[in-house]
């Protein structure tokens, strides 16, 4: 603990991260597990910067959510391919076990869930925005307050962490194509979905919303319209 406190006082530093395992989540998304000696630990919801350096010295850096809770000197990042991107094509298609990158983190202190935090938790993710919410879901324990996850995806083939989401606390909201047996007609998340599958404002949940900017703006507006206190609505967005 003393070492962790000292590192926090000294600030972040770049660490060498060696890839030890990969797992395909969808046809265009991959979870990467790194061994990071010296990693100080992190809170569910935080993110890290990945920096790549080419042989000619050119560097490129991107931020990615940590998609698993603290696990010693191991971290997991889940990366969605951006076809014209600089970093994600390498991380999704090319990097191999044993390869190394530079990692800076953990970063962020607002969009986090702490185990000692009181009150229920409502998680709402769109697409790859499930990554930090998955870390929160896995960080909870039997003693944690109630959790509820609403996960908006286009089709069944777009679901991340599919093997982990079979729970009464989790509702998948399909926007374009739903699997057989799902009664809800595919559509974008709306106020009726929050009423049917979320947690009511009267229970005063802390709400975490993550996804593309338009998704986050829509959902945060729906939550506030439904009576949720804006001070308990935390948002993380990406893209234009």
Foldseek 3Di string as FASTA:
>chain_A
DVLLVVDVVVAKDKWKWFWADKDDFFPFKIKTKTQTPPDSFDFQQFKKKWWDADPVGDIDIDIFHFQAHTDDRMTMTMAGDDPPDDPSCCVRPNDDGGDIIIMIDRDDDPRGDDQVDDFEEEEEEEQVQCRSVNRVVNPYDPPGHHYAYEYEYAEPSRDGPVVVQPDLRYDYAHQHYYDPPDPDDHRQDDLVCCVVGNDQLVRQHQYEYEEAPVNQVRVLVSNVVRPHDNVSYHYDHDDD
